[in-house]
Amino acid sequence: MLRRQTLLSLGAALAAAPVTGAFASDPQIIAFDDLYAPGGSALGLKFSDRLLAAKGKNVLMRGFMAPPLKPESDFFVLTREPVAVCPFCAADAEWPSDIVVIYLRRVAPPTRFSDPIEVVGELDVGSFTDVVTGFVSQIRLLDASYRKL
């Protein structure tokens, strides 16, 4: 009986506690239009001042999860528009230039490619090659979490 009361009390305390984590704070919202300075070409992209000012800060982005390499992963690619085909898996497919690699806090299942999501994480900017996958990215969110909209 004491164990049950303790568990019920703990459950009530947790339910009453304020929400914590990435979505509880007020991260800066970064849109896909904020990633690159106007007038850049696909080959000569220049990071926007807004993006560079947010480097190292907690940011929120909205987009779509591109189909991942495996059913559950600790990273995925966030895109502006839904992408139905995994570019890793199709030799003739290409990533759009304005993608963001999301490194999750923990392994998570994918969403449907057409479901909009919201992602929060620490913004990292600059060329980076993932040592495990060999994937090269320019913009990343680290220690991220996501939720469906």
N, C-alpha and C. Protein backbone atom coordinates (compact mmCIF):
# COMPACT_ATOMS: atom_id res chain seq x y z
N MET A 1 0.82 -1.19 0.00
CA MET A 1 0.00 0.00 0.00
C MET A 1 0.87 1.26 0.00
N LEU A 2 1.94 1.26 0.80
CA LEU A 2 2.84 2.40 0.85
C LEU A 2 3.49 2.63 -0.51
N ARG A 3 3.87 1.54 -1.18
CA ARG A 3 4.49 1.65 -2.51
C ARG A 3 3.52 2.29 -3.49
N ARG A 4 2.27 1.88 -3.46
CA ARG A 4 1.25 2.44 -4.36
C ARG A 4 1.05 3.93 -4.09
N GLN A 5 0.97 4.33 -2.83
CA GLN A 5 0.80 5.75 -2.48
C GLN A 5 2.01 6.56 -2.94
N THR A 6 3.20 6.01 -2.77
CA THR A 6 4.41 6.70 -3.19
C THR A 6 4.41 6.90 -4.71
N LEU A 7 4.06 5.84 -5.46
CA LEU A 7 4.01 5.95 -6.91
C LEU A 7 2.95 6.94 -7.37
N LEU A 8 1.80 6.93 -6.72
CA LEU A 8 0.74 7.90 -7.08
C LEU A 8 1.17 9.32 -6.78
N SER A 9 1.85 9.52 -5.64
CA SER A 9 2.33 10.85 -5.28
C SER A 9 3.39 11.33 -6.27
N LEU A 10 4.28 10.42 -6.65
CA LEU A 10 5.32 10.77 -7.62
C LEU A 10 4.70 11.11 -8.97
N GLY A 11 3.73 10.33 -9.40
CA GLY A 11 3.04 10.60 -10.66
C GLY A 11 2.34 11.94 -10.64
N ALA A 12 1.69 12.28 -9.53
CA ALA A 12 1.00 13.57 -9.41
C ALA A 12 2.00 14.71 -9.42
N ALA A 13 3.12 14.53 -8.77
CA ALA A 13 4.15 15.58 -8.74
C ALA A 13 4.72 15.81 -10.14
N LEU A 14 4.97 14.73 -10.87
CA LEU A 14 5.49 14.86 -12.23
C LEU A 14 4.47 15.51 -13.15
N ALA A 15 3.22 15.17 -12.99
CA ALA A 15 2.17 15.76 -13.84
C ALA A 15 2.02 17.25 -13.56
N ALA A 16 2.25 17.67 -12.34
CA ALA A 16 2.11 19.08 -11.98
C ALA A 16 3.35 19.90 -12.30
N ALA A 17 4.47 19.22 -12.54
CA ALA A 17 5.73 19.92 -12.81
C ALA A 17 5.66 20.62 -14.16
N PRO A 18 6.34 21.76 -14.29
CA PRO A 18 6.34 22.45 -15.58
C PRO A 18 7.07 21.63 -16.63
N VAL A 19 6.66 21.83 -17.88
CA VAL A 19 7.31 21.12 -18.99
C VAL A 19 8.73 21.65 -19.13
N THR A 20 9.68 20.75 -19.26
CA THR A 20 11.07 21.16 -19.45
C THR A 20 11.58 20.56 -20.73
N GLY A 21 12.75 20.96 -21.14
CA GLY A 21 13.34 20.43 -22.37
C GLY A 21 13.29 21.48 -23.46
N ALA A 22 13.63 21.05 -24.66
CA ALA A 22 13.79 21.97 -25.78
C ALA A 22 12.53 22.76 -26.10
N PHE A 23 11.34 22.17 -25.98
CA PHE A 23 10.13 22.87 -26.37
C PHE A 23 9.59 23.78 -25.27
N ALA A 24 10.14 23.70 -24.06
CA ALA A 24 9.66 24.55 -22.97
C ALA A 24 10.26 25.95 -23.05
N SER A 25 11.42 26.10 -23.63
CA SER A 25 12.06 27.41 -23.71
C SER A 25 11.55 28.16 -24.94
N ASP A 26 12.03 29.37 -25.12
CA ASP A 26 11.65 30.17 -26.27
C ASP A 26 12.81 30.22 -27.25
N PRO A 27 12.96 29.18 -28.06
CA PRO A 27 14.05 29.20 -29.02
C PRO A 27 13.77 30.21 -30.13
N GLN A 28 14.82 30.68 -30.75
CA GLN A 28 14.68 31.58 -31.89
C GLN A 28 14.17 30.78 -33.08
N ILE A 29 13.19 31.30 -33.78
CA ILE A 29 12.64 30.62 -34.95
C ILE A 29 13.50 30.96 -36.17
N ILE A 30 13.95 29.93 -36.84
CA ILE A 30 14.70 30.07 -38.08
C ILE A 30 13.89 29.40 -39.19
N ALA A 31 13.57 30.14 -40.23
CA ALA A 31 12.84 29.61 -41.37
C ALA A 31 13.84 29.22 -42.46
N PHE A 32 13.40 28.42 -43.40
CA PHE A 32 14.28 28.05 -44.51
C PHE A 32 14.73 29.28 -45.29
N ASP A 33 13.87 30.29 -45.36
CA ASP A 33 14.25 31.53 -46.04
C ASP A 33 15.35 32.29 -45.31
N ASP A 34 15.59 31.95 -44.04
CA ASP A 34 16.62 32.62 -43.23
C ASP A 34 18.00 31.97 -43.36
N LEU A 35 18.10 30.85 -44.07
CA LEU A 35 19.36 30.12 -44.09
C LEU A 35 20.45 30.82 -44.89
N TYR A 36 20.11 31.32 -46.05
CA TYR A 36 21.12 31.89 -46.94
C TYR A 36 20.79 33.33 -47.29
N ALA A 37 21.84 34.10 -47.55
CA ALA A 37 21.68 35.51 -47.94
C ALA A 37 21.02 35.58 -49.32
N PRO A 38 20.21 36.60 -49.57
CA PRO A 38 19.57 36.74 -50.88
C PRO A 38 20.61 36.87 -51.99
N GLY A 39 20.25 36.34 -53.16
CA GLY A 39 21.12 36.48 -54.32
C GLY A 39 22.17 35.40 -54.47
N GLY A 40 22.27 34.48 -53.53
CA GLY A 40 23.25 33.40 -53.66
C GLY A 40 22.79 32.38 -54.68
N SER A 41 23.72 31.73 -55.32
CA SER A 41 23.38 30.68 -56.28
C SER A 41 23.54 29.33 -55.60
N ALA A 42 23.12 28.28 -56.27
CA ALA A 42 23.24 26.94 -55.69
C ALA A 42 24.69 26.58 -55.40
N LEU A 43 25.61 27.11 -56.21
CA LEU A 43 27.02 26.80 -55.99
C LEU A 43 27.71 27.79 -55.07
N GLY A 44 27.18 29.01 -55.00
CA GLY A 44 27.82 30.04 -54.20
C GLY A 44 26.94 30.53 -53.06
N LEU A 45 26.40 29.61 -52.29
CA LEU A 45 25.52 29.99 -51.18
C LEU A 45 26.32 30.69 -50.09
N LYS A 46 25.74 31.72 -49.54
CA LYS A 46 26.35 32.46 -48.43
C LYS A 46 25.36 32.45 -47.28
N PHE A 47 25.82 32.07 -46.09
CA PHE A 47 24.94 32.04 -44.93
C PHE A 47 24.42 33.45 -44.64
N SER A 48 23.16 33.52 -44.20
CA SER A 48 22.58 34.83 -43.87
C SER A 48 23.14 35.32 -42.53
N ASP A 49 23.07 36.62 -42.33
CA ASP A 49 23.49 37.21 -41.05
C ASP A 49 22.63 36.67 -39.92
N ARG A 50 21.33 36.49 -40.18
CA ARG A 50 20.41 35.98 -39.15
C ARG A 50 20.83 34.58 -38.71
N LEU A 51 21.19 33.73 -39.68
CA LEU A 51 21.61 32.37 -39.36
C LEU A 51 22.91 32.39 -38.55
N LEU A 52 23.87 33.17 -39.00
CA LEU A 52 25.17 33.23 -38.31
C LEU A 52 25.02 33.78 -36.89
N ALA A 53 24.10 34.73 -36.70
CA ALA A 53 23.88 35.29 -35.36
C ALA A 53 23.26 34.26 -34.41
N ALA A 54 22.57 33.27 -34.96
CA ALA A 54 21.93 32.25 -34.12
C ALA A 54 22.83 31.03 -33.87
N LYS A 55 24.01 31.00 -34.48
CA LYS A 55 24.92 29.86 -34.31
C LYS A 55 25.20 29.62 -32.83
N GLY A 56 25.07 28.36 -32.42
CA GLY A 56 25.32 27.99 -31.03
C GLY A 56 24.13 28.19 -30.11
N LYS A 57 23.05 28.74 -30.64
CA LYS A 57 21.85 29.00 -29.84
C LYS A 57 20.79 27.95 -30.11
N ASN A 58 19.83 27.89 -29.20
CA ASN A 58 18.70 27.00 -29.35
C ASN A 58 17.73 27.61 -30.36
N VAL A 59 17.44 26.89 -31.45
CA VAL A 59 16.55 27.40 -32.49
C VAL A 59 15.44 26.39 -32.77
N LEU A 60 14.38 26.90 -33.38
CA LEU A 60 13.25 26.08 -33.78
C LEU A 60 13.09 26.21 -35.29
N MET A 61 12.91 25.08 -35.95
CA MET A 61 12.64 25.07 -37.39
C MET A 61 11.45 24.17 -37.67
N ARG A 62 10.72 24.53 -38.72
CA ARG A 62 9.59 23.72 -39.16
C ARG A 62 9.86 23.23 -40.57
N GLY A 63 9.49 21.99 -40.83
CA GLY A 63 9.69 21.43 -42.16
C GLY A 63 9.17 20.02 -42.21
N PHE A 64 9.88 19.18 -43.00
CA PHE A 64 9.47 17.80 -43.22
C PHE A 64 10.67 16.88 -43.07
N MET A 65 10.44 15.70 -42.52
CA MET A 65 11.49 14.71 -42.35
C MET A 65 11.64 13.94 -43.66
N ALA A 66 12.81 14.02 -44.27
CA ALA A 66 13.07 13.22 -45.46
C ALA A 66 13.15 11.76 -45.04
N PRO A 67 12.78 10.84 -45.92
CA PRO A 67 12.86 9.42 -45.56
C PRO A 67 14.27 9.06 -45.10
N PRO A 68 14.38 8.47 -43.91
CA PRO A 68 15.71 8.13 -43.36
C PRO A 68 16.27 6.84 -43.96
N LEU A 69 17.53 6.59 -43.63
CA LEU A 69 18.21 5.38 -44.10
C LEU A 69 17.66 4.11 -43.45
N LYS A 70 17.23 4.21 -42.20
CA LYS A 70 16.73 3.04 -41.48
C LYS A 70 15.52 3.44 -40.65
N PRO A 71 14.71 2.45 -40.20
CA PRO A 71 13.46 2.75 -39.51
C PRO A 71 13.59 3.64 -38.28
N GLU A 72 14.62 3.45 -37.50
CA GLU A 72 14.84 4.31 -36.34
C GLU A 72 16.27 4.80 -36.41
N SER A 73 16.46 6.09 -36.18
CA SER A 73 17.78 6.67 -36.33
C SER A 73 17.96 7.81 -35.34
N ASP A 74 19.21 8.23 -35.17
CA ASP A 74 19.48 9.38 -34.31
C ASP A 74 19.76 10.63 -35.13
N PHE A 75 19.49 10.56 -36.45
CA PHE A 75 19.61 11.75 -37.28
C PHE A 75 18.67 11.63 -38.48
N PHE A 76 18.32 12.77 -39.04
CA PHE A 76 17.53 12.81 -40.26
C PHE A 76 17.77 14.15 -40.94
N VAL A 77 17.20 14.30 -42.12
CA VAL A 77 17.34 15.53 -42.88
C VAL A 77 16.00 16.25 -42.87
N LEU A 78 16.03 17.53 -42.50
CA LEU A 78 14.84 18.37 -42.51
C LEU A 78 14.81 19.13 -43.83
N THR A 79 13.67 19.11 -44.50
CA THR A 79 13.51 19.78 -45.79
C THR A 79 12.37 20.78 -45.73
N ARG A 80 12.41 21.74 -46.63
CA ARG A 80 11.37 22.77 -46.74
C ARG A 80 10.05 22.16 -47.20
N GLU A 81 10.13 21.29 -48.19
CA GLU A 81 8.96 20.63 -48.78
C GLU A 81 9.10 19.12 -48.59
N PRO A 82 7.99 18.40 -48.61
CA PRO A 82 8.09 16.94 -48.49
C PRO A 82 8.95 16.33 -49.59
N VAL A 83 9.79 15.38 -49.21
CA VAL A 83 10.63 14.64 -50.15
C VAL A 83 10.27 13.17 -49.97
N ALA A 84 9.71 12.56 -51.02
CA ALA A 84 9.20 11.20 -50.91
C ALA A 84 10.26 10.13 -51.08
N VAL A 85 11.35 10.44 -51.78
CA VAL A 85 12.40 9.45 -52.06
C VAL A 85 13.63 9.77 -51.24
N CYS A 86 14.21 8.75 -50.67
CA CYS A 86 15.45 8.92 -49.92
C CYS A 86 16.60 9.12 -50.91
N PRO A 87 17.20 10.31 -50.97
CA PRO A 87 18.31 10.53 -51.90
C PRO A 87 19.52 9.64 -51.62
N PHE A 88 19.65 9.13 -50.39
CA PHE A 88 20.74 8.18 -50.11
C PHE A 88 20.51 6.89 -50.88
N CYS A 89 19.21 6.58 -51.09
CA CYS A 89 18.84 5.28 -51.64
C CYS A 89 18.67 5.29 -53.16
N ALA A 90 18.49 6.47 -53.75
CA ALA A 90 18.28 6.56 -55.19
C ALA A 90 19.47 7.29 -55.82
N ALA A 91 20.16 6.63 -56.72
CA ALA A 91 21.38 7.18 -57.30
C ALA A 91 21.15 8.46 -58.07
N ASP A 92 19.97 8.63 -58.69
CA ASP A 92 19.74 9.82 -59.50
C ASP A 92 19.03 10.94 -58.76
N ALA A 93 18.74 10.75 -57.48
CA ALA A 93 18.06 11.79 -56.69
C ALA A 93 19.09 12.74 -56.09
N GLU A 94 18.68 13.98 -55.87
CA GLU A 94 19.56 14.97 -55.27
C GLU A 94 18.85 15.68 -54.14
N TRP A 95 19.63 16.07 -53.12
CA TRP A 95 19.08 16.87 -52.04
C TRP A 95 18.86 18.29 -52.53
N PRO A 96 17.83 18.95 -52.02
CA PRO A 96 17.71 20.39 -52.28
C PRO A 96 18.88 21.09 -51.60
N SER A 97 19.19 22.32 -52.01
CA SER A 97 20.33 23.03 -51.42
C SER A 97 20.04 23.52 -50.01
N ASP A 98 18.76 23.69 -49.68
CA ASP A 98 18.41 24.24 -48.36
C ASP A 98 17.90 23.15 -47.41
N ILE A 99 18.78 22.22 -47.08
CA ILE A 99 18.43 21.18 -46.12
C ILE A 99 19.16 21.45 -44.80
N VAL A 100 18.64 20.85 -43.75
CA VAL A 100 19.27 20.95 -42.44
C VAL A 100 19.35 19.54 -41.87
N VAL A 101 20.54 19.13 -41.45
CA VAL A 101 20.70 17.82 -40.84
C VAL A 101 20.37 17.94 -39.36
N ILE A 102 19.55 17.03 -38.89
CA ILE A 102 19.10 17.03 -37.51
C ILE A 102 19.74 15.85 -36.78
N TYR A 103 20.53 16.14 -35.77
CA TYR A 103 21.11 15.11 -34.91
C TYR A 103 20.29 15.08 -33.63
N LEU A 104 19.56 13.98 -33.45
CA LEU A 104 18.63 13.86 -32.33
C LEU A 104 19.32 13.55 -31.01
N ARG A 105 18.67 13.94 -29.98
CA ARG A 105 19.12 13.66 -28.62
C ARG A 105 19.15 12.15 -28.38
N ARG A 106 18.19 11.43 -28.98
CA ARG A 106 18.11 9.98 -28.84
C ARG A 106 17.48 9.39 -30.10
N VAL A 107 17.64 8.11 -30.30
CA VAL A 107 17.06 7.41 -31.45
C VAL A 107 15.54 7.59 -31.42
N ALA A 108 14.97 7.85 -32.59
CA ALA A 108 13.53 8.08 -32.68
C ALA A 108 12.98 7.52 -33.98
N PRO A 109 11.71 7.15 -33.98
CA PRO A 109 11.10 6.64 -35.21
C PRO A 109 10.83 7.79 -36.17
N PRO A 110 10.80 7.50 -37.45
CA PRO A 110 10.53 8.56 -38.43
C PRO A 110 9.04 8.91 -38.48
N THR A 111 8.75 10.06 -39.04
CA THR A 111 7.38 10.45 -39.33
C THR A 111 7.13 10.15 -40.81
N ARG A 112 5.88 10.27 -41.24
CA ARG A 112 5.62 10.18 -42.68
C ARG A 112 6.24 11.40 -43.34
N PHE A 113 6.78 11.22 -44.54
CA PHE A 113 7.46 12.31 -45.23
C PHE A 113 6.57 13.53 -45.46
N SER A 114 5.25 13.33 -45.44
CA SER A 114 4.32 14.43 -45.70
C SER A 114 3.79 15.10 -44.43
N ASP A 115 4.20 14.62 -43.27
CA ASP A 115 3.76 15.22 -42.00
C ASP A 115 4.67 16.38 -41.63
N PRO A 116 4.12 17.59 -41.46
CA PRO A 116 4.97 18.70 -41.01
C PRO A 116 5.42 18.47 -39.58
N ILE A 117 6.64 18.87 -39.29
CA ILE A 117 7.20 18.71 -37.95
C ILE A 117 7.86 20.00 -37.50
N GLU A 118 8.11 20.05 -36.22
CA GLU A 118 8.80 21.18 -35.59
C GLU A 118 10.00 20.59 -34.86
N VAL A 119 11.17 21.17 -35.07
CA VAL A 119 12.41 20.65 -34.49
C VAL A 119 13.09 21.75 -33.69
N VAL A 120 13.60 21.40 -32.53
CA VAL A 120 14.35 22.33 -31.70
C VAL A 120 15.70 21.71 -31.39
N GLY A 121 16.76 22.51 -31.53
CA GLY A 121 18.10 22.04 -31.22
C GLY A 121 19.10 23.17 -31.32
N GLU A 122 20.34 22.87 -30.99
CA GLU A 122 21.41 23.87 -31.04
C GLU A 122 21.92 23.99 -32.47
N LEU A 123 21.91 25.22 -32.98
CA LEU A 123 22.32 25.47 -34.35
C LEU A 123 23.83 25.40 -34.51
N ASP A 124 24.27 24.62 -35.50
CA ASP A 124 25.68 24.53 -35.86
C ASP A 124 25.78 24.83 -37.35
N VAL A 125 26.73 25.68 -37.73
CA VAL A 125 26.85 26.15 -39.10
C VAL A 125 28.29 25.95 -39.59
N GLY A 126 28.43 25.56 -40.86
CA GLY A 126 29.74 25.35 -41.47
C GLY A 126 29.86 23.93 -41.96
N SER A 127 30.77 23.71 -42.88
CA SER A 127 30.92 22.39 -43.47
C SER A 127 31.34 21.35 -42.43
N PHE A 128 30.65 20.22 -42.45
CA PHE A 128 30.93 19.14 -41.51
C PHE A 128 30.68 17.81 -42.22
N THR A 129 31.60 16.87 -42.07
CA THR A 129 31.43 15.54 -42.63
C THR A 129 31.21 14.56 -41.49
N ASP A 130 30.07 13.88 -41.50
CA ASP A 130 29.74 12.90 -40.48
C ASP A 130 30.68 11.71 -40.65
N VAL A 131 31.40 11.36 -39.59
CA VAL A 131 32.39 10.28 -39.67
C VAL A 131 31.76 8.91 -39.89
N VAL A 132 30.52 8.72 -39.46
CA VAL A 132 29.85 7.43 -39.60
C VAL A 132 29.26 7.26 -40.99
N THR A 133 28.53 8.28 -41.47
CA THR A 133 27.81 8.16 -42.75
C THR A 133 28.57 8.75 -43.93
N GLY A 134 29.50 9.65 -43.66
CA GLY A 134 30.19 10.36 -44.73
C GLY A 134 29.36 11.50 -45.32
N PHE A 135 28.17 11.73 -44.75
CA PHE A 135 27.28 12.78 -45.24
C PHE A 135 27.87 14.15 -44.90
N VAL A 136 27.93 15.02 -45.89
CA VAL A 136 28.46 16.37 -45.69
C VAL A 136 27.28 17.33 -45.53
N SER A 137 27.34 18.15 -44.50
CA SER A 137 26.27 19.13 -44.27
C SER A 137 26.86 20.51 -44.02
N GLN A 138 26.05 21.51 -44.26
CA GLN A 138 26.44 22.90 -44.01
C GLN A 138 25.74 23.47 -42.78
N ILE A 139 24.53 22.98 -42.50
CA ILE A 139 23.73 23.48 -41.38
C ILE A 139 23.16 22.29 -40.64
N ARG A 140 23.28 22.32 -39.31
CA ARG A 140 22.81 21.23 -38.47
C ARG A 140 22.14 21.75 -37.21
N LEU A 141 21.22 20.94 -36.68
CA LEU A 141 20.72 21.14 -35.33
C LEU A 141 21.19 19.97 -34.50
N LEU A 142 21.84 20.27 -33.38
CA LEU A 142 22.42 19.25 -32.51
C LEU A 142 21.57 19.06 -31.28
N ASP A 143 21.67 17.87 -30.68
CA ASP A 143 20.94 17.56 -29.44
C ASP A 143 19.48 17.95 -29.60
N ALA A 144 18.91 17.57 -30.74
CA ALA A 144 17.58 18.03 -31.12
C ALA A 144 16.47 17.07 -30.70
N SER A 145 15.27 17.61 -30.70
CA SER A 145 14.05 16.84 -30.52
C SER A 145 13.03 17.38 -31.50
N TYR A 146 12.02 16.57 -31.81
CA TYR A 146 11.01 17.02 -32.77
C TYR A 146 9.63 16.56 -32.32
N ARG A 147 8.64 17.19 -32.93
CA ARG A 147 7.26 16.77 -32.72
C ARG A 147 6.46 17.10 -33.99
N LYS A 148 5.42 16.31 -34.20
CA LYS A 148 4.53 16.56 -35.33
C LYS A 148 3.69 17.79 -35.04
N LEU A 149 3.39 18.53 -36.09
CA LEU A 149 2.51 19.69 -35.94
C LEU A 149 1.06 19.29 -36.15
